[in-house]
């Protein structure tokens, strides 16, 4: 007598009148598809929340802000008083009377490292015509902020905002962010989508100092 082939219950022909279930292989395929789609969606959302045109996001963002930065051009610049990395506090009210360039950065921000030496060149070019201020945003360690200044070679004043509250007061939480403020405290230019184009910034500075 020939040996009877042993079949998995899912592969046996259905009994007369019985309803056949979903094949086991199809169940595995469906489960795998669900897992792949879930992982892909998670990665996409993570990348969207972490980056924006090659910028660094401060912490996990602020619940009060979305991904659309506030347009401050033509409006009063938010005021601030922050400790200098080298000494006494610096207040924005003390900077009135000349154009001011405010650059927000952090020691863990790659684009900031690339941008700051170029800003230093502009600082030397414009001299006393424009006041430059760098703001360390979100660096919990003052030493890390000080080391960043030394690494990039900037000589203009830098202040420390450990919680990043000043950056968020300007309506964004992306780094680097750069604002150009006129002598009356009105924002005339802003760039919050990565390292600022130096030719564009120079043109804006020329308009204010010309």
C-alpha atoms as a PDB file:
ATOM      1  CA  UNK A   1       0.000   0.000   0.000  1.00  0.00           C
ATOM      2  CA  UNK A   2       1.376   3.415  -0.936  1.00  0.00           C
ATOM      3  CA  UNK A   3       2.350   5.742   1.923  1.00  0.00           C
ATOM      4  CA  UNK A   4      -0.113   8.541   2.559  1.00  0.00           C
ATOM      5  CA  UNK A   5       1.451  12.035   2.243  1.00  0.00           C
ATOM      6  CA  UNK A   6       1.019  14.034   5.417  1.00  0.00           C
ATOM      7  CA  UNK A   7      -0.443  17.511   4.671  1.00  0.00           C
ATOM      8  CA  UNK A   8      -0.632  20.575   6.878  1.00  0.00           C
ATOM      9  CA  UNK A   9      -4.234  21.204   7.941  1.00  0.00           C
ATOM     10  CA  UNK A  10      -4.228  24.447   5.922  1.00  0.00           C
ATOM     11  CA  UNK A  11      -3.233  22.564   2.766  1.00  0.00           C
ATOM     12  CA  UNK A  12      -5.798  19.755   2.993  1.00  0.00           C
ATOM     13  CA  UNK A  13      -8.839  19.916   0.789  1.00  0.00           C
ATOM     14  CA  UNK A  14     -11.835  21.232   2.686  1.00  0.00           C
ATOM     15  CA  UNK A  15     -14.397  18.827   3.991  1.00  0.00           C
ATOM     16  CA  UNK A  16     -17.661  18.873   2.074  1.00  0.00           C
ATOM     17  CA  UNK A  17     -19.709  21.857   3.175  1.00  0.00           C
ATOM     18  CA  UNK A  18     -16.841  23.338   5.269  1.00  0.00           C
ATOM     19  CA  UNK A  19     -15.521  26.911   4.852  1.00  0.00           C
ATOM     20  CA  UNK A  20     -11.824  27.111   4.157  1.00  0.00           C
ATOM     21  CA  UNK A  21      -9.724  29.633   6.191  1.00  0.00           C
ATOM     22  CA  UNK A  22      -7.054  32.011   4.875  1.00  0.00           C
ATOM     23  CA  UNK A  23      -3.882  30.103   3.869  1.00  0.00           C
ATOM     24  CA  UNK A  24      -1.047  30.401   6.346  1.00  0.00           C
ATOM     25  CA  UNK A  25       1.363  31.769   3.719  1.00  0.00           C
ATOM     26  CA  UNK A  26      -0.983  34.611   2.889  1.00  0.00           C
ATOM     27  CA  UNK A  27      -1.309  35.511   6.565  1.00  0.00           C
ATOM     28  CA  UNK A  28       2.474  35.753   6.894  1.00  0.00           C
ATOM     29  CA  UNK A  29       2.690  37.945   3.778  1.00  0.00           C
ATOM     30  CA  UNK A  30       0.027  40.317   5.093  1.00  0.00           C
ATOM     31  CA  UNK A  31       1.720  40.560   8.496  1.00  0.00           C
ATOM     32  CA  UNK A  32       5.089  41.332   6.869  1.00  0.00           C
ATOM     33  CA  UNK A  33       3.519  44.040   4.716  1.00  0.00           C
ATOM     34  CA  UNK A  34       2.004  45.708   7.787  1.00  0.00           C
ATOM     35  CA  UNK A  35       5.376  45.689   9.566  1.00  0.00           C
ATOM     36  CA  UNK A  36       7.203  47.182   6.558  1.00  0.00           C
ATOM     37  CA  UNK A  37       4.636  49.962   6.137  1.00  0.00           C
ATOM     38  CA  UNK A  38       4.732  50.779   9.864  1.00  0.00           C
ATOM     39  CA  UNK A  39       8.540  51.051   9.923  1.00  0.00           C
ATOM     40  CA  UNK A  40       8.615  53.155   6.751  1.00  0.00           C
ATOM     41  CA  UNK A  41       6.045  55.576   8.150  1.00  0.00           C
ATOM     42  CA  UNK A  42       7.944  55.905  11.431  1.00  0.00           C
ATOM     43  CA  UNK A  43      11.243  56.658   9.652  1.00  0.00           C
ATOM     44  CA  UNK A  44       9.594  59.251   7.417  1.00  0.00           C
ATOM     45  CA  UNK A  45       7.995  61.052  10.357  1.00  0.00           C
ATOM     46  CA  UNK A  46      11.249  60.943  12.358  1.00  0.00           C
ATOM     47  CA  UNK A  47      13.236  62.463   9.504  1.00  0.00           C
ATOM     48  CA  UNK A  48      10.636  65.169   8.957  1.00  0.00           C
ATOM     49  CA  UNK A  49      10.653  66.200  12.599  1.00  0.00           C
ATOM     50  CA  UNK A  50      14.450  66.135  12.977  1.00  0.00           C
ATOM     51  CA  UNK A  51      15.548  68.056   9.890  1.00  0.00           C
ATOM     52  CA  UNK A  52      14.451  70.856   7.663  1.00  0.00           C
ATOM     53  CA  UNK A  53      16.655  71.770   4.715  1.00  0.00           C
ATOM     54  CA  UNK A  54      19.845  70.750   6.505  1.00  0.00           C
ATOM     55  CA  UNK A  55      19.122  72.460   9.795  1.00  0.00           C
ATOM     56  CA  UNK A  56      19.232  71.327  13.403  1.00  0.00           C
ATOM     57  CA  UNK A  57      16.123  71.441  15.572  1.00  0.00           C
ATOM     58  CA  UNK A  58      16.397  72.745  19.114  1.00  0.00           C
ATOM     59  CA  UNK A  59      15.528  69.864  21.471  1.00  0.00           C
ATOM     60  CA  UNK A  60      12.173  68.363  20.529  1.00  0.00           C
ATOM     61  CA  UNK A  61      10.658  71.673  19.523  1.00  0.00           C
ATOM     62  CA  UNK A  62       8.168  73.749  21.401  1.00  0.00           C
ATOM     63  CA  UNK A  63       4.508  72.732  21.771  1.00  0.00           C
ATOM     64  CA  UNK A  64       3.608  76.302  20.905  1.00  0.00           C
ATOM     65  CA  UNK A  65       5.379  76.269  17.540  1.00  0.00           C
ATOM     66  CA  UNK A  66       4.802  74.325  14.343  1.00  0.00           C
ATOM     67  CA  UNK A  67       7.148  73.797  11.404  1.00  0.00           C
ATOM     68  CA  UNK A  68       6.257  77.165   9.861  1.00  0.00           C
ATOM     69  CA  UNK A  69       8.641  79.813  11.136  1.00  0.00           C
ATOM     70  CA  UNK A  70       7.247  83.172  12.183  1.00  0.00           C
ATOM     71  CA  UNK A  71       7.848  85.923   9.616  1.00  0.00           C
ATOM     72  CA  UNK A  72       9.271  88.818  11.627  1.00  0.00           C
ATOM     73  CA  UNK A  73      10.367  91.004   8.706  1.00  0.00           C
ATOM     74  CA  UNK A  74       8.960  94.498   9.224  1.00  0.00           C
ATOM     75  CA  UNK A  75       8.192  93.811  12.896  1.00  0.00           C
ATOM     76  CA  UNK A  76       9.890  94.688  16.172  1.00  0.00           C
ATOM     77  CA  UNK A  77      12.620  92.235  17.085  1.00  0.00           C
ATOM     78  CA  UNK A  78      12.023  90.396  20.380  1.00  0.00           C
ATOM     79  CA  UNK A  79      14.100  91.804  23.208  1.00  0.00           C
ATOM     80  CA  UNK A  80      16.585  89.771  25.230  1.00  0.00           C
ATOM     81  CA  UNK A  81      19.126  90.034  28.013  1.00  0.00           C
ATOM     82  CA  UNK A  82      21.580  87.136  28.128  1.00  0.00           C
ATOM     83  CA  UNK A  83      24.935  86.396  29.790  1.00  0.00           C
ATOM     84  CA  UNK A  84      27.966  86.852  27.602  1.00  0.00           C
ATOM     85  CA  UNK A  85      30.238  83.840  27.212  1.00  0.00           C
ATOM     86  CA  UNK A  86      33.077  86.039  28.362  1.00  0.00           C
ATOM     87  CA  UNK A  87      31.576  88.344  30.961  1.00  0.00           C
ATOM     88  CA  UNK A  88      28.652  90.626  31.680  1.00  0.00           C
ATOM     89  CA  UNK A  89      25.132  90.387  30.300  1.00  0.00           C
ATOM     90  CA  UNK A  90      24.296  91.771  26.870  1.00  0.00           C
ATOM     91  CA  UNK A  91      20.884  93.362  26.334  1.00  0.00           C
ATOM     92  CA  UNK A  92      19.328  93.914  22.932  1.00  0.00           C
ATOM     93  CA  UNK A  93      18.316  97.422  24.038  1.00  0.00           C
ATOM     94  CA  UNK A  94      22.013  98.291  24.365  1.00  0.00           C
ATOM     95  CA  UNK A  95      22.538  97.484  20.677  1.00  0.00           C
ATOM     96  CA  UNK A  96      20.179 100.130  19.297  1.00  0.00           C
ATOM     97  CA  UNK A  97      21.607 102.852  17.073  1.00  0.00           C
ATOM     98  CA  UNK A  98      23.241 100.569  14.493  1.00  0.00           C
ATOM     99  CA  UNK A  99      22.182  97.536  12.465  1.00  0.00           C
ATOM    100  CA  UNK A 100      22.466  94.289  14.411  1.00  0.00           C
ATOM    101  CA  UNK A 101      23.030  90.794  13.074  1.00  0.00           C
ATOM    102  CA  UNK A 102      21.830  88.052  15.427  1.00  0.00           C
ATOM    103  CA  UNK A 103      22.929  84.509  14.653  1.00  0.00           C
ATOM    104  CA  UNK A 104      21.499  81.575  16.633  1.00  0.00           C
ATOM    105  CA  UNK A 105      23.650  78.449  16.813  1.00  0.00           C
ATOM    106  CA  UNK A 106      24.504  75.396  18.939  1.00  0.00           C
ATOM    107  CA  UNK A 107      27.647  73.358  19.457  1.00  0.00           C
ATOM    108  CA  UNK A 108      25.989  70.208  18.050  1.00  0.00           C
ATOM    109  CA  UNK A 109      24.812  71.961  14.865  1.00  0.00           C
ATOM    110  CA  UNK A 110      26.858  70.968  11.808  1.00  0.00           C
ATOM    111  CA  UNK A 111      25.654  73.798   9.541  1.00  0.00           C
ATOM    112  CA  UNK A 112      26.484  76.274  12.315  1.00  0.00           C
ATOM    113  CA  UNK A 113      30.118  75.133  12.349  1.00  0.00           C
ATOM    114  CA  UNK A 114      30.349  75.770   8.603  1.00  0.00           C
ATOM    115  CA  UNK A 115      28.535  79.100   8.735  1.00  0.00           C
ATOM    116  CA  UNK A 116      30.183  80.909  11.633  1.00  0.00           C
ATOM    117  CA  UNK A 117      33.647  81.446  10.068  1.00  0.00           C
ATOM    118  CA  UNK A 118      31.927  83.088   7.077  1.00  0.00           C
ATOM    119  CA  UNK A 119      29.991  85.347   9.442  1.00  0.00           C
ATOM    120  CA  UNK A 120      33.273  86.299  11.089  1.00  0.00           C
ATOM    121  CA  UNK A 121      34.587  87.455   7.695  1.00  0.00           C
ATOM    122  CA  UNK A 122      31.518  89.665   7.292  1.00  0.00           C
ATOM    123  CA  UNK A 123      32.038  90.978  10.794  1.00  0.00           C
ATOM    124  CA  UNK A 124      35.559  92.075   9.892  1.00  0.00           C
ATOM    125  CA  UNK A 125      34.375  93.566   6.591  1.00  0.00           C
ATOM    126  CA  UNK A 126      31.663  95.764   8.091  1.00  0.00           C
ATOM    127  CA  UNK A 127      33.516  96.643  11.287  1.00  0.00           C
ATOM    128  CA  UNK A 128      31.678  99.139  13.480  1.00  0.00           C
ATOM    129  CA  UNK A 129      28.919  99.643  10.907  1.00  0.00           C
ATOM    130  CA  UNK A 130      27.113  96.473  12.062  1.00  0.00           C
ATOM    131  CA  UNK A 131      26.944  94.898  15.507  1.00  0.00           C
ATOM    132  CA  UNK A 132      27.188  91.103  15.430  1.00  0.00           C
ATOM    133  CA  UNK A 133      25.868  88.882  18.233  1.00  0.00           C
ATOM    134  CA  UNK A 134      26.004  85.100  18.343  1.00  0.00           C
ATOM    135  CA  UNK A 135      23.490  83.276  20.538  1.00  0.00           C
ATOM    136  CA  UNK A 136      24.315  79.788  21.813  1.00  0.00           C
ATOM    137  CA  UNK A 137      20.870  78.167  21.888  1.00  0.00           C
ATOM    138  CA  UNK A 138      20.191  74.993  23.820  1.00  0.00           C
ATOM    139  CA  UNK A 139      23.782  74.302  24.884  1.00  0.00           C
ATOM    140  CA  UNK A 140      23.364  73.139  28.480  1.00  0.00           C
ATOM    141  CA  UNK A 141      27.120  73.345  28.968  1.00  0.00           C
ATOM    142  CA  UNK A 142      28.644  76.803  28.820  1.00  0.00           C
ATOM    143  CA  UNK A 143      31.993  75.141  28.181  1.00  0.00           C
ATOM    144  CA  UNK A 144      30.612  73.511  25.027  1.00  0.00           C
ATOM    145  CA  UNK A 145      29.436  76.909  23.810  1.00  0.00           C
ATOM    146  CA  UNK A 146      32.783  78.534  24.593  1.00  0.00           C
ATOM    147  CA  UNK A 147      34.636  75.731  22.795  1.00  0.00           C
ATOM    148  CA  UNK A 148      32.412  76.279  19.746  1.00  0.00           C
ATOM    149  CA  UNK A 149      33.406  79.948  19.602  1.00  0.00           C
ATOM    150  CA  UNK A 150      37.083  79.006  19.779  1.00  0.00           C
ATOM    151  CA  UNK A 151      36.634  76.294  17.142  1.00  0.00           C
ATOM    152  CA  UNK A 152      34.978  78.603  14.628  1.00  0.00           C
ATOM    153  CA  UNK A 153      37.205  81.604  15.330  1.00  0.00           C
ATOM    154  CA  UNK A 154      34.471  84.204  15.783  1.00  0.00           C
ATOM    155  CA  UNK A 155      35.508  87.340  17.637  1.00  0.00           C
ATOM    156  CA  UNK A 156      32.159  89.154  17.874  1.00  0.00           C
ATOM    157  CA  UNK A 157      30.221  88.914  21.165  1.00  0.00           C
ATOM    158  CA  UNK A 158      28.453  85.638  21.929  1.00  0.00           C
ATOM    159  CA  UNK A 159      25.803  85.065  24.570  1.00  0.00           C
ATOM    160  CA  UNK A 160      24.444  81.924  26.207  1.00  0.00           C
ATOM    161  CA  UNK A 161      20.785  80.887  26.133  1.00  0.00           C
ATOM    162  CA  UNK A 162      20.835  77.395  27.643  1.00  0.00           C
ATOM    163  CA  UNK A 163      17.078  76.788  27.326  1.00  0.00           C
ATOM    164  CA  UNK A 164      16.778  78.290  23.855  1.00  0.00           C
ATOM    165  CA  UNK A 165      14.007  80.629  24.992  1.00  0.00           C
ATOM    166  CA  UNK A 166      15.301  83.567  22.957  1.00  0.00           C
ATOM    167  CA  UNK A 167      15.372  81.492  19.773  1.00  0.00           C
ATOM    168  CA  UNK A 168      11.767  80.454  20.348  1.00  0.00           C
ATOM    169  CA  UNK A 169      10.815  84.072  21.121  1.00  0.00           C
ATOM    170  CA  UNK A 170      11.948  84.820  17.568  1.00  0.00           C
ATOM    171  CA  UNK A 171       9.379  82.261  16.392  1.00  0.00           C
ATOM    172  CA  UNK A 172      11.504  79.296  15.392  1.00  0.00           C
ATOM    173  CA  UNK A 173      13.406  76.359  16.875  1.00  0.00           C
ATOM    174  CA  UNK A 174      15.673  75.608  13.907  1.00  0.00           C
ATOM    175  CA  UNK A 175      19.422  76.222  13.854  1.00  0.00           C
ATOM    176  CA  UNK A 176      21.192  78.066  12.444  1.00  0.00           C
ATOM    177  CA  UNK A 177      18.857  81.044  12.210  1.00  0.00           C
ATOM    178  CA  UNK A 178      19.999  84.548  11.313  1.00  0.00           C
ATOM    179  CA  UNK A 179      18.199  87.876  11.712  1.00  0.00           C
ATOM    180  CA  UNK A 180      19.221  91.343  10.555  1.00  0.00           C
ATOM    181  CA  UNK A 181      17.735  94.171  12.625  1.00  0.00           C
ATOM    182  CA  UNK A 182      17.903  97.844  11.720  1.00  0.00           C
ATOM    183  CA  UNK A 183      18.983 100.674  14.008  1.00  0.00           C
ATOM    184  CA  UNK A 184      15.417 101.147  15.252  1.00  0.00           C
ATOM    185  CA  UNK A 185      14.968  97.500  16.274  1.00  0.00           C
ATOM    186  CA  UNK A 186      12.926  96.391  13.242  1.00  0.00           C
ATOM    187  CA  UNK A 187      13.710  93.033  11.621  1.00  0.00           C
ATOM    188  CA  UNK A 188      14.701  93.629   7.994  1.00  0.00           C
ATOM    189  CA  UNK A 189      15.938  90.168   7.023  1.00  0.00           C
ATOM    190  CA  UNK A 190      15.696  86.631   8.359  1.00  0.00           C
ATOM    191  CA  UNK A 191      16.947  83.223   7.266  1.00  0.00           C
ATOM    192  CA  UNK A 192      15.880  80.122   9.200  1.00  0.00           C
ATOM    193  CA  UNK A 193      16.366  77.313   6.666  1.00  0.00           C
ATOM    194  CA  UNK A 194      20.019  76.417   7.085  1.00  0.00           C
ATOM    195  CA  UNK A 195      23.283  78.270   6.675  1.00  0.00           C
ATOM    196  CA  UNK A 196      22.574  81.760   5.380  1.00  0.00           C
ATOM    197  CA  UNK A 197      23.707  82.556   1.791  1.00  0.00           C
ATOM    198  CA  UNK A 198      26.511  85.054   2.321  1.00  0.00           C
ATOM    199  CA  UNK A 199      25.892  86.968  -0.913  1.00  0.00           C
ATOM    200  CA  UNK A 200      22.242  87.403   0.051  1.00  0.00           C
ATOM    201  CA  UNK A 201      23.163  88.503   3.560  1.00  0.00           C
ATOM    202  CA  UNK A 202      25.813  90.907   2.256  1.00  0.00           C
ATOM    203  CA  UNK A 203      23.240  92.532  -0.016  1.00  0.00           C
ATOM    204  CA  UNK A 204      20.892  92.986   2.946  1.00  0.00           C
ATOM    205  CA  UNK A 205      23.716  94.482   5.021  1.00  0.00           C
ATOM    206  CA  UNK A 206      24.644  96.848   2.197  1.00  0.00           C
ATOM    207  CA  UNK A 207      21.067  98.106   2.056  1.00  0.00           C
ATOM    208  CA  UNK A 208      21.169  98.974   5.757  1.00  0.00           C
ATOM    209  CA  UNK A 209      24.637 100.480   5.831  1.00  0.00           C
ATOM    210  CA  UNK A 210      24.699 102.157   2.400  1.00  0.00           C
END
